[in-house]
PDB file of N, CA and C in Angstrom:
ATOM      1  N   UNK A   1     106.466 173.511  61.922  1.00  0.00           N
ATOM      2  CA  UNK A   1     107.844 173.111  62.164  1.00  0.00           C
ATOM      3  C   UNK A   1     108.507 172.776  60.822  1.00  0.00           C
ATOM      4  N   UNK A   2     109.664 173.324  60.547  1.00  0.00           N
ATOM      5  CA  UNK A   2     110.319 173.087  59.252  1.00  0.00           C
ATOM      6  C   UNK A   2     110.833 171.650  59.124  1.00  0.00           C
ATOM      7  N   UNK A   3     110.839 171.180  57.907  1.00  0.00           N
ATOM      8  CA  UNK A   3     111.335 169.850  57.605  1.00  0.00           C
ATOM      9  C   UNK A   3     112.862 169.869  57.646  1.00  0.00           C
ATOM     10  N   UNK A   4     113.452 168.986  58.413  1.00  0.00           N
ATOM     11  CA  UNK A   4     114.916 168.941  58.527  1.00  0.00           C
ATOM     12  C   UNK A   4     115.426 167.568  58.119  1.00  0.00           C
ATOM     13  N   UNK A   5     116.730 167.470  57.925  1.00  0.00           N
ATOM     14  CA  UNK A   5     117.354 166.193  57.592  1.00  0.00           C
ATOM     15  C   UNK A   5     117.185 165.199  58.734  1.00  0.00           C
ATOM     16  N   UNK A   6     117.141 165.688  59.949  1.00  0.00           N
ATOM     17  CA  UNK A   6     116.993 164.816  61.102  1.00  0.00           C
ATOM     18  C   UNK A   6     115.635 164.119  61.077  1.00  0.00           C
ATOM     19  N   UNK A   7     114.608 164.831  60.711  1.00  0.00           N
ATOM     20  CA  UNK A   7     113.273 164.245  60.637  1.00  0.00           C
ATOM     21  C   UNK A   7     113.173 163.265  59.472  1.00  0.00           C
ATOM     22  N   UNK A   8     113.990 163.488  58.461  1.00  0.00           N
ATOM     23  CA  UNK A   8     113.977 162.649  57.282  1.00  0.00           C
ATOM     24  C   UNK A   8     114.509 161.248  57.602  1.00  0.00           C
ATOM     25  N   UNK A   9     115.473 161.176  58.511  1.00  0.00           N
ATOM     26  CA  UNK A   9     116.101 159.910  58.849  1.00  0.00           C
ATOM     27  C   UNK A   9     115.393 159.273  60.037  1.00  0.00           C
ATOM     28  N   UNK A  10     114.492 158.393  59.751  1.00  0.00           N
ATOM     29  CA  UNK A  10     113.812 157.661  60.819  1.00  0.00           C
ATOM     30  C   UNK A  10     114.628 156.413  61.131  1.00  0.00           C
ATOM     31  N   UNK A  11     114.514 155.951  62.337  1.00  0.00           N
ATOM     32  CA  UNK A  11     115.235 154.751  62.734  1.00  0.00           C
ATOM     33  C   UNK A  11     114.626 153.546  62.025  1.00  0.00           C
ATOM     34  N   UNK A  12     115.476 152.697  61.484  1.00  0.00           N
ATOM     35  CA  UNK A  12     115.003 151.513  60.757  1.00  0.00           C
ATOM     36  C   UNK A  12     114.380 150.526  61.732  1.00  0.00           C
ATOM     37  N   UNK A  13     113.290 149.916  61.313  1.00  0.00           N
ATOM     38  CA  UNK A  13     112.618 148.926  62.143  1.00  0.00           C
ATOM     39  C   UNK A  13     113.050 147.536  61.684  1.00  0.00           C
ATOM     40  N   UNK A  14     113.711 146.815  62.566  1.00  0.00           N
ATOM     41  CA  UNK A  14     114.168 145.469  62.273  1.00  0.00           C
ATOM     42  C   UNK A  14     113.263 144.468  62.972  1.00  0.00           C
ATOM     43  N   UNK A  15     112.877 143.425  62.239  1.00  0.00           N
ATOM     44  CA  UNK A  15     111.999 142.399  62.792  1.00  0.00           C
ATOM     45  C   UNK A  15     112.639 141.021  62.623  1.00  0.00           C
ATOM     46  N   UNK A  16     112.138 140.061  63.353  1.00  0.00           N
ATOM     47  CA  UNK A  16     112.624 138.686  63.254  1.00  0.00           C
ATOM     48  C   UNK A  16     111.974 137.998  62.054  1.00  0.00           C
ATOM     49  N   UNK A  17     112.571 136.919  61.587  1.00  0.00           N
ATOM     50  CA  UNK A  17     111.936 136.174  60.491  1.00  0.00           C
ATOM     51  C   UNK A  17     110.532 135.684  60.853  1.00  0.00           C
ATOM     52  N   UNK A  18     110.305 135.354  62.110  1.00  0.00           N
ATOM     53  CA  UNK A  18     108.985 134.898  62.543  1.00  0.00           C
ATOM     54  C   UNK A  18     107.940 136.006  62.368  1.00  0.00           C
ATOM     55  N   UNK A  19     108.303 137.240  62.733  1.00  0.00           N
ATOM     56  CA  UNK A  19     107.400 138.375  62.555  1.00  0.00           C
ATOM     57  C   UNK A  19     107.193 138.663  61.067  1.00  0.00           C
ATOM     58  N   UNK A  20     108.246 138.491  60.278  1.00  0.00           N
ATOM     59  CA  UNK A  20     108.181 138.671  58.821  1.00  0.00           C
ATOM     60  C   UNK A  20     107.176 137.684  58.222  1.00  0.00           C
ATOM     61  N   UNK A  21     107.248 136.426  58.655  1.00  0.00           N
ATOM     62  CA  UNK A  21     106.320 135.402  58.170  1.00  0.00           C
ATOM     63  C   UNK A  21     104.884 135.758  58.529  1.00  0.00           C
ATOM     64  N   UNK A  22     104.696 136.210  59.743  1.00  0.00           N
ATOM     65  CA  UNK A  22     103.352 136.541  60.218  1.00  0.00           C
ATOM     66  C   UNK A  22     102.777 137.746  59.456  1.00  0.00           C
ATOM     67  N   UNK A  23     103.600 138.761  59.246  1.00  0.00           N
ATOM     68  CA  UNK A  23     103.137 139.983  58.591  1.00  0.00           C
ATOM     69  C   UNK A  23     102.699 139.733  57.150  1.00  0.00           C
ATOM     70  N   UNK A  24     103.453 138.901  56.433  1.00  0.00           N
ATOM     71  CA  UNK A  24     103.144 138.650  55.023  1.00  0.00           C
ATOM     72  C   UNK A  24     102.397 137.332  54.811  1.00  0.00           C
ATOM     73  N   UNK A  25     101.963 136.682  55.874  1.00  0.00           N
ATOM     74  CA  UNK A  25     101.211 135.417  55.809  1.00  0.00           C
ATOM     75  C   UNK A  25     101.934 134.377  54.959  1.00  0.00           C
ATOM     76  N   UNK A  26     103.183 134.140  55.306  1.00  0.00           N
ATOM     77  CA  UNK A  26     104.008 133.178  54.577  1.00  0.00           C
ATOM     78  C   UNK A  26     104.276 131.955  55.446  1.00  0.00           C
ATOM     79  N   UNK A  27     104.540 130.833  54.786  1.00  0.00           N
ATOM     80  CA  UNK A  27     105.002 129.670  55.529  1.00  0.00           C
ATOM     81  C   UNK A  27     106.493 129.879  55.809  1.00  0.00           C
ATOM     82  N   UNK A  28     107.036 129.068  56.680  1.00  0.00           N
ATOM     83  CA  UNK A  28     108.459 129.193  57.024  1.00  0.00           C
ATOM     84  C   UNK A  28     109.319 128.997  55.782  1.00  0.00           C
ATOM     85  N   UNK A  29     108.996 127.991  54.974  1.00  0.00           N
ATOM     86  CA  UNK A  29     109.769 127.703  53.767  1.00  0.00           C
ATOM     87  C   UNK A  29     109.724 128.867  52.789  1.00  0.00           C
ATOM     88  N   UNK A  30     108.539 129.415  52.554  1.00  0.00           N
ATOM     89  CA  UNK A  30     108.401 130.548  51.629  1.00  0.00           C
ATOM     90  C   UNK A  30     109.215 131.739  52.114  1.00  0.00           C
ATOM     91  N   UNK A  31     109.117 132.040  53.411  1.00  0.00           N
ATOM     92  CA  UNK A  31     109.817 133.201  53.966  1.00  0.00           C
ATOM     93  C   UNK A  31     111.325 133.060  53.806  1.00  0.00           C
ATOM     94  N   UNK A  32     111.862 131.897  54.142  1.00  0.00           N
ATOM     95  CA  UNK A  32     113.308 131.719  54.042  1.00  0.00           C
ATOM     96  C   UNK A  32     113.789 131.653  52.595  1.00  0.00           C
ATOM     97  N   UNK A  33     112.941 131.204  51.673  1.00  0.00           N
ATOM     98  CA  UNK A  33     113.312 131.245  50.251  1.00  0.00           C
ATOM     99  C   UNK A  33     113.401 132.689  49.769  1.00  0.00           C
ATOM    100  N   UNK A  34     112.458 133.510  50.200  1.00  0.00           N
ATOM    101  CA  UNK A  34     112.484 134.937  49.843  1.00  0.00           C
ATOM    102  C   UNK A  34     113.715 135.597  50.446  1.00  0.00           C
ATOM    103  N   UNK A  35     113.997 135.312  51.709  1.00  0.00           N
ATOM    104  CA  UNK A  35     115.131 135.932  52.392  1.00  0.00           C
ATOM    105  C   UNK A  35     116.473 135.440  51.853  1.00  0.00           C
ATOM    106  N   UNK A  36     116.492 134.277  51.222  1.00  0.00           N
ATOM    107  CA  UNK A  36     117.739 133.726  50.673  1.00  0.00           C
ATOM    108  C   UNK A  36     118.105 134.342  49.321  1.00  0.00           C
ATOM    109  N   UNK A  37     117.166 135.070  48.717  1.00  0.00           N
ATOM    110  CA  UNK A  37     117.446 135.689  47.424  1.00  0.00           C
ATOM    111  C   UNK A  37     118.565 136.718  47.559  1.00  0.00           C
ATOM    112  N   UNK A  38     119.403 136.850  46.522  1.00  0.00           N
ATOM    113  CA  UNK A  38     120.520 137.814  46.580  1.00  0.00           C
ATOM    114  C   UNK A  38     120.059 139.266  46.754  1.00  0.00           C
ATOM    115  N   UNK A  39     118.870 139.594  46.238  1.00  0.00           N
ATOM    116  CA  UNK A  39     118.364 140.968  46.354  1.00  0.00           C
ATOM    117  C   UNK A  39     118.067 141.343  47.801  1.00  0.00           C
ATOM    118  N   UNK A  40     117.748 140.355  48.615  1.00  0.00           N
ATOM    119  CA  UNK A  40     117.348 140.616  49.999  1.00  0.00           C
ATOM    120  C   UNK A  40     118.526 140.803  50.955  1.00  0.00           C
ATOM    121  N   UNK A  41     119.749 140.639  50.455  1.00  0.00           N
ATOM    122  CA  UNK A  41     120.924 140.762  51.323  1.00  0.00           C
ATOM    123  C   UNK A  41     121.013 142.129  52.005  1.00  0.00           C
ATOM    124  N   UNK A  42     120.631 143.178  51.307  1.00  0.00           N
ATOM    125  CA  UNK A  42     120.730 144.513  51.899  1.00  0.00           C
ATOM    126  C   UNK A  42     119.653 144.777  52.947  1.00  0.00           C
ATOM    127  N   UNK A  43     118.629 143.933  52.998  1.00  0.00           N
ATOM    128  CA  UNK A  43     117.566 144.100  53.993  1.00  0.00           C
ATOM    129  C   UNK A  43     117.837 143.295  55.257  1.00  0.00           C
ATOM    130  N   UNK A  44     118.851 142.422  55.237  1.00  0.00           N
ATOM    131  CA  UNK A  44     119.135 141.555  56.381  1.00  0.00           C
ATOM    132  C   UNK A  44     120.376 142.014  57.126  1.00  0.00           C
ATOM    133  N   UNK A  45     120.370 141.804  58.445  1.00  0.00           N
ATOM    134  CA  UNK A  45     121.581 141.969  59.244  1.00  0.00           C
ATOM    135  C   UNK A  45     121.701 140.760  60.158  1.00  0.00           C
ATOM    136  N   UNK A  46     122.924 140.368  60.424  1.00  0.00           N
ATOM    137  CA  UNK A  46     123.154 139.269  61.354  1.00  0.00           C
ATOM    138  C   UNK A  46     123.291 139.850  62.755  1.00  0.00           C
ATOM    139  N   UNK A  47     122.567 139.258  63.695  1.00  0.00           N
ATOM    140  CA  UNK A  47     122.620 139.761  65.069  1.00  0.00           C
ATOM    141  C   UNK A  47     123.373 138.816  65.991  1.00  0.00           C
ATOM    142  N   UNK A  48     123.748 137.697  65.491  1.00  0.00           N
ATOM    143  CA  UNK A  48     124.496 136.728  66.278  1.00  0.00           C
ATOM    144  C   UNK A  48     125.144 135.751  65.325  1.00  0.00           C
ATOM    145  N   UNK A  49     125.488 134.594  65.855  1.00  0.00           N
ATOM    146  CA  UNK A  49     126.116 133.607  64.996  1.00  0.00           C
ATOM    147  C   UNK A  49     125.136 133.063  63.963  1.00  0.00           C
ATOM    148  N   UNK A  50     123.877 132.837  64.396  1.00  0.00           N
ATOM    149  CA  UNK A  50     122.888 132.263  63.489  1.00  0.00           C
ATOM    150  C   UNK A  50     121.675 133.152  63.251  1.00  0.00           C
ATOM    151  N   UNK A  51     121.389 134.070  64.141  1.00  0.00           N
ATOM    152  CA  UNK A  51     120.154 134.842  64.030  1.00  0.00           C
ATOM    153  C   UNK A  51     120.290 136.031  63.083  1.00  0.00           C
ATOM    154  N   UNK A  52     119.169 136.375  62.458  1.00  0.00           N
ATOM    155  CA  UNK A  52     119.132 137.520  61.551  1.00  0.00           C
ATOM    156  C   UNK A  52     117.941 138.400  61.904  1.00  0.00           C
ATOM    157  N   UNK A  53     118.002 139.647  61.462  1.00  0.00           N
ATOM    158  CA  UNK A  53     116.889 140.582  61.566  1.00  0.00           C
ATOM    159  C   UNK A  53     116.697 141.189  60.186  1.00  0.00           C
ATOM    160  N   UNK A  54     115.462 141.552  59.914  1.00  0.00           N
ATOM    161  CA  UNK A  54     115.113 142.086  58.600  1.00  0.00           C
ATOM    162  C   UNK A  54     114.653 143.525  58.730  1.00  0.00           C
ATOM    163  N   UNK A  55     115.224 144.404  57.900  1.00  0.00           N
ATOM    164  CA  UNK A  55     114.782 145.792  57.842  1.00  0.00           C
ATOM    165  C   UNK A  55     113.466 145.792  57.082  1.00  0.00           C
ATOM    166  N   UNK A  56     112.399 146.091  57.789  1.00  0.00           N
ATOM    167  CA  UNK A  56     111.056 145.972  57.235  1.00  0.00           C
ATOM    168  C   UNK A  56     110.845 146.871  56.019  1.00  0.00           C
ATOM    169  N   UNK A  57     111.325 148.106  56.085  1.00  0.00           N
ATOM    170  CA  UNK A  57     111.127 149.040  54.972  1.00  0.00           C
ATOM    171  C   UNK A  57     111.876 148.587  53.715  1.00  0.00           C
ATOM    172  N   UNK A  58     113.138 148.197  53.889  1.00  0.00           N
ATOM    173  CA  UNK A  58     113.945 147.751  52.748  1.00  0.00           C
ATOM    174  C   UNK A  58     113.349 146.487  52.136  1.00  0.00           C
ATOM    175  N   UNK A  59     112.943 145.550  52.990  1.00  0.00           N
ATOM    176  CA  UNK A  59     112.377 144.292  52.506  1.00  0.00           C
ATOM    177  C   UNK A  59     111.111 144.559  51.695  1.00  0.00           C
ATOM    178  N   UNK A  60     110.290 145.469  52.164  1.00  0.00           N
ATOM    179  CA  UNK A  60     109.055 145.805  51.453  1.00  0.00           C
ATOM    180  C   UNK A  60     109.368 146.395  50.082  1.00  0.00           C
ATOM    181  N   UNK A  61     110.329 147.320  50.026  1.00  0.00           N
ATOM    182  CA  UNK A  61     110.712 147.933  48.750  1.00  0.00           C
ATOM    183  C   UNK A  61     111.231 146.884  47.772  1.00  0.00           C
ATOM    184  N   UNK A  62     112.084 146.000  48.257  1.00  0.00           N
ATOM    185  CA  UNK A  62     112.675 144.970  47.400  1.00  0.00           C
ATOM    186  C   UNK A  62     111.600 144.017  46.907  1.00  0.00           C
ATOM    187  N   UNK A  63     110.690 143.625  47.793  1.00  0.00           N
ATOM    188  CA  UNK A  63     109.632 142.705  47.397  1.00  0.00           C
ATOM    189  C   UNK A  63     108.702 143.335  46.364  1.00  0.00           C
ATOM    190  N   UNK A  64     108.471 144.635  46.476  1.00  0.00           N
ATOM    191  CA  UNK A  64     107.667 145.323  45.461  1.00  0.00           C
ATOM    192  C   UNK A  64     108.332 145.261  44.089  1.00  0.00           C
ATOM    193  N   UNK A  65     109.646 145.465  44.078  1.00  0.00           N
ATOM    194  CA  UNK A  65     110.370 145.415  42.805  1.00  0.00           C
ATOM    195  C   UNK A  65     110.379 144.007  42.223  1.00  0.00           C
ATOM    196  N   UNK A  66     110.496 143.002  43.077  1.00  0.00           N
ATOM    197  CA  UNK A  66     110.542 141.621  42.608  1.00  0.00           C
ATOM    198  C   UNK A  66     109.196 141.177  42.050  1.00  0.00           C
ATOM    199  N   UNK A  67     108.127 141.455  42.786  1.00  0.00           N
ATOM    200  CA  UNK A  67     106.824 140.900  42.449  1.00  0.00           C
ATOM    201  C   UNK A  67     105.932 141.813  41.644  1.00  0.00           C
ATOM    202  N   UNK A  68     106.416 142.954  41.222  1.00  0.00           N
ATOM    203  CA  UNK A  68     105.623 143.831  40.337  1.00  0.00           C
ATOM    204  C   UNK A  68     106.201 143.882  38.959  1.00  0.00           C
TER     205      UNK A  68
END
């Protein structure tokens, strides 16, 4: 099957901060400090008045750039 632009664009996986903490084995404070960084703004979306979701792929890329 040929590679197409449609196959290239996968749906972004958004997770809650709680899942983010669990995946990276972070405490709540550590996770929210990381998410509060200006670089992480493009990985976050607001889903309500107070709740946020994190784009897992973008967050991983940004964290690699920060910590490497």
